[in-house]
Amino acid sequence: MSDLDNRVSDLEVKLSYQDELLNELNIIVADQQSKIGKMTQMLKNMSEQSTKGGSHNSSLEDERPPHY
């Protein structure tokens, strides 16, 4: 094989590795986006609970320990 053939072959190998890596990274990003969406919803729910139930929940500072 000529030098040009070797260089083209090397580029093809690098391209295939980059394509595989890109696919793996896309899967990771999609998974992270899903997790971020779930955490955003959880944060929204907790925020709503704290604003709605703020008067119903007593803080731990207001409660006396059981041994008093």
N, C-alpha and C. Protein backbone atom coordinates (compact mmCIF):
# COMPACT_ATOMS: atom_id res chain seq x y z
N MET A 1 0.83 -1.19 0.00
CA MET A 1 0.00 0.00 0.00
C MET A 1 0.87 1.24 0.00
N SER A 2 0.35 2.25 -0.62
CA SER A 2 1.10 3.50 -0.67
C SER A 2 0.88 4.29 0.61
N ASP A 3 1.65 5.32 0.75
CA ASP A 3 1.54 6.19 1.93
C ASP A 3 0.14 6.82 2.00
N LEU A 4 -0.40 7.19 0.85
CA LEU A 4 -1.73 7.79 0.81
C LEU A 4 -2.79 6.79 1.27
N ASP A 5 -2.66 5.54 0.83
CA ASP A 5 -3.60 4.51 1.25
C ASP A 5 -3.54 4.29 2.76
N ASN A 6 -2.35 4.30 3.32
CA ASN A 6 -2.19 4.14 4.77
C ASN A 6 -2.84 5.31 5.52
N ARG A 7 -2.65 6.49 5.02
CA ARG A 7 -3.21 7.67 5.68
C ARG A 7 -4.74 7.64 5.62
N VAL A 8 -5.28 7.25 4.48
CA VAL A 8 -6.74 7.16 4.34
C VAL A 8 -7.28 6.08 5.26
N SER A 9 -6.59 4.96 5.33
CA SER A 9 -7.01 3.87 6.20
C SER A 9 -6.99 4.31 7.66
N ASP A 10 -5.95 5.02 8.07
CA ASP A 10 -5.86 5.54 9.44
C ASP A 10 -7.00 6.51 9.72
N LEU A 11 -7.31 7.36 8.77
CA LEU A 11 -8.41 8.31 8.96
C LEU A 11 -9.76 7.58 9.08
N GLU A 12 -9.94 6.53 8.31
CA GLU A 12 -11.17 5.75 8.40
C GLU A 12 -11.31 5.10 9.77
N VAL A 13 -10.22 4.58 10.30
CA VAL A 13 -10.24 3.96 11.63
C VAL A 13 -10.57 5.01 12.67
N LYS A 14 -9.92 6.18 12.60
CA LYS A 14 -10.20 7.25 13.56
C LYS A 14 -11.65 7.71 13.47
N LEU A 15 -12.16 7.79 12.27
CA LEU A 15 -13.54 8.21 12.07
C LEU A 15 -14.51 7.20 12.70
N SER A 16 -14.22 5.92 12.55
CA SER A 16 -15.11 4.92 13.13
C SER A 16 -15.08 4.99 14.66
N TYR A 17 -13.91 5.21 15.26
CA TYR A 17 -13.84 5.37 16.71
C TYR A 17 -14.58 6.62 17.16
N GLN A 18 -14.43 7.71 16.43
CA GLN A 18 -15.13 8.94 16.78
C GLN A 18 -16.63 8.78 16.65
N ASP A 19 -17.07 8.06 15.66
CA ASP A 19 -18.50 7.81 15.47
C ASP A 19 -19.06 7.00 16.63
N GLU A 20 -18.32 5.99 17.05
CA GLU A 20 -18.74 5.16 18.19
C GLU A 20 -18.77 6.00 19.47
N LEU A 21 -17.76 6.83 19.68
CA LEU A 21 -17.71 7.69 20.85
C LEU A 21 -18.86 8.68 20.85
N LEU A 22 -19.17 9.23 19.70
CA LEU A 22 -20.28 10.17 19.59
C LEU A 22 -21.60 9.51 19.97
N ASN A 23 -21.81 8.30 19.53
CA ASN A 23 -23.03 7.57 19.88
C ASN A 23 -23.11 7.31 21.39
N GLU A 24 -21.98 6.94 21.99
CA GLU A 24 -21.96 6.71 23.44
C GLU A 24 -22.25 8.01 24.19
N LEU A 25 -21.66 9.11 23.75
CA LEU A 25 -21.88 10.39 24.41
C LEU A 25 -23.33 10.85 24.25
N ASN A 26 -23.93 10.57 23.11
CA ASN A 26 -25.35 10.91 22.92
C ASN A 26 -26.23 10.16 23.91
N ILE A 27 -25.92 8.91 24.16
CA ILE A 27 -26.67 8.11 25.13
C ILE A 27 -26.50 8.70 26.53
N ILE A 28 -25.28 9.07 26.87
CA ILE A 28 -25.00 9.65 28.18
C ILE A 28 -25.74 10.97 28.36
N VAL A 29 -25.71 11.82 27.34
CA VAL A 29 -26.38 13.12 27.43
C VAL A 29 -27.89 12.93 27.55
N ALA A 30 -28.45 12.00 26.82
CA ALA A 30 -29.89 11.74 26.91
C ALA A 30 -30.26 11.24 28.30
N ASP A 31 -29.43 10.38 28.88
CA ASP A 31 -29.67 9.88 30.23
C ASP A 31 -29.59 11.01 31.25
N GLN A 32 -28.60 11.87 31.11
CA GLN A 32 -28.45 13.00 32.03
C GLN A 32 -29.61 13.96 31.89
N GLN A 33 -30.08 14.19 30.68
CA GLN A 33 -31.22 15.08 30.47
C GLN A 33 -32.46 14.52 31.14
N SER A 34 -32.64 13.21 31.06
CA SER A 34 -33.76 12.57 31.72
C SER A 34 -33.67 12.75 33.23
N LYS A 35 -32.48 12.55 33.79
CA LYS A 35 -32.29 12.71 35.23
C LYS A 35 -32.52 14.17 35.65
N ILE A 36 -32.05 15.11 34.86
CA ILE A 36 -32.25 16.53 35.17
C ILE A 36 -33.74 16.85 35.16
N GLY A 37 -34.47 16.30 34.20
CA GLY A 37 -35.91 16.52 34.15
C GLY A 37 -36.61 15.98 35.38
N LYS A 38 -36.21 14.79 35.83
CA LYS A 38 -36.81 14.21 37.03
C LYS A 38 -36.48 15.04 38.26
N MET A 39 -35.22 15.48 38.37
CA MET A 39 -34.83 16.28 39.52
C MET A 39 -35.52 17.64 39.51
N THR A 40 -35.72 18.22 38.34
CA THR A 40 -36.43 19.48 38.23
C THR A 40 -37.86 19.33 38.71
N GLN A 41 -38.49 18.24 38.32
CA GLN A 41 -39.87 17.98 38.76
C GLN A 41 -39.92 17.76 40.26
N MET A 42 -38.96 17.02 40.81
CA MET A 42 -38.92 16.80 42.25
C MET A 42 -38.74 18.11 43.00
N LEU A 43 -37.86 18.97 42.50
CA LEU A 43 -37.63 20.27 43.13
C LEU A 43 -38.89 21.13 43.07
N LYS A 44 -39.57 21.09 41.95
CA LYS A 44 -40.82 21.83 41.81
C LYS A 44 -41.85 21.32 42.81
N ASN A 45 -41.97 19.99 42.94
CA ASN A 45 -42.91 19.40 43.89
C ASN A 45 -42.57 19.79 45.32
N MET A 46 -41.29 19.73 45.67
CA MET A 46 -40.88 20.10 47.03
C MET A 46 -41.13 21.57 47.30
N SER A 47 -40.90 22.40 46.30
CA SER A 47 -41.15 23.83 46.46
C SER A 47 -42.64 24.10 46.67
N GLU A 48 -43.48 23.42 45.92
CA GLU A 48 -44.92 23.57 46.09
C GLU A 48 -45.37 23.07 47.45
N GLN A 49 -44.81 21.98 47.92
CA GLN A 49 -45.16 21.44 49.22
C GLN A 49 -44.76 22.40 50.34
N SER A 50 -43.60 23.03 50.19
CA SER A 50 -43.14 23.94 51.24
C SER A 50 -43.98 25.21 51.28
N THR A 51 -44.47 25.66 50.13
CA THR A 51 -45.29 26.87 50.14
C THR A 51 -46.71 26.56 50.58
N LYS A 52 -47.24 25.42 50.22
CA LYS A 52 -48.59 25.04 50.61
C LYS A 52 -48.66 24.58 52.06
N GLY A 53 -47.70 23.79 52.45
CA GLY A 53 -47.74 23.18 53.77
C GLY A 53 -46.88 23.88 54.79
N GLY A 54 -46.45 25.08 54.53
CA GLY A 54 -45.58 25.78 55.45
C GLY A 54 -46.20 26.02 56.80
N SER A 55 -47.49 26.30 56.85
CA SER A 55 -48.15 26.55 58.12
C SER A 55 -48.50 25.24 58.83
N HIS A 56 -48.60 24.14 58.11
CA HIS A 56 -48.97 22.87 58.70
C HIS A 56 -47.78 22.16 59.32
N ASN A 57 -46.60 22.39 58.78
CA ASN A 57 -45.42 21.70 59.27
C ASN A 57 -44.80 22.51 60.40
N SER A 58 -44.54 21.84 61.50
CA SER A 58 -43.84 22.51 62.57
C SER A 58 -42.36 22.20 62.44
N SER A 59 -41.55 23.16 62.78
CA SER A 59 -40.12 22.93 62.65
C SER A 59 -39.62 22.13 63.85
N LEU A 60 -38.49 21.52 63.70
CA LEU A 60 -37.92 20.74 64.79
C LEU A 60 -37.54 21.61 65.97
N GLU A 61 -37.24 22.88 65.75
CA GLU A 61 -36.88 23.78 66.83
C GLU A 61 -38.08 24.05 67.74
N ASP A 62 -39.30 23.99 67.21
CA ASP A 62 -40.50 24.26 68.00
C ASP A 62 -40.92 23.06 68.85
N GLU A 63 -40.44 21.88 68.54
CA GLU A 63 -40.84 20.69 69.27
C GLU A 63 -39.89 20.43 70.44
N ARG A 64 -40.47 19.97 71.53
CA ARG A 64 -39.66 19.61 72.68
C ARG A 64 -39.21 18.16 72.53
N PRO A 65 -38.02 17.87 72.92
CA PRO A 65 -37.56 16.48 72.87
C PRO A 65 -38.40 15.63 73.82
N PRO A 66 -38.52 14.34 73.57
CA PRO A 66 -39.39 13.48 74.36
C PRO A 66 -38.95 13.34 75.83
N HIS A 67 -37.71 13.63 76.14
CA HIS A 67 -37.25 13.43 77.52
C HIS A 67 -37.55 14.63 78.42
N TYR A 68 -38.18 15.71 77.92
CA TYR A 68 -38.54 16.86 78.76
C TYR A 68 -39.93 16.77 79.23
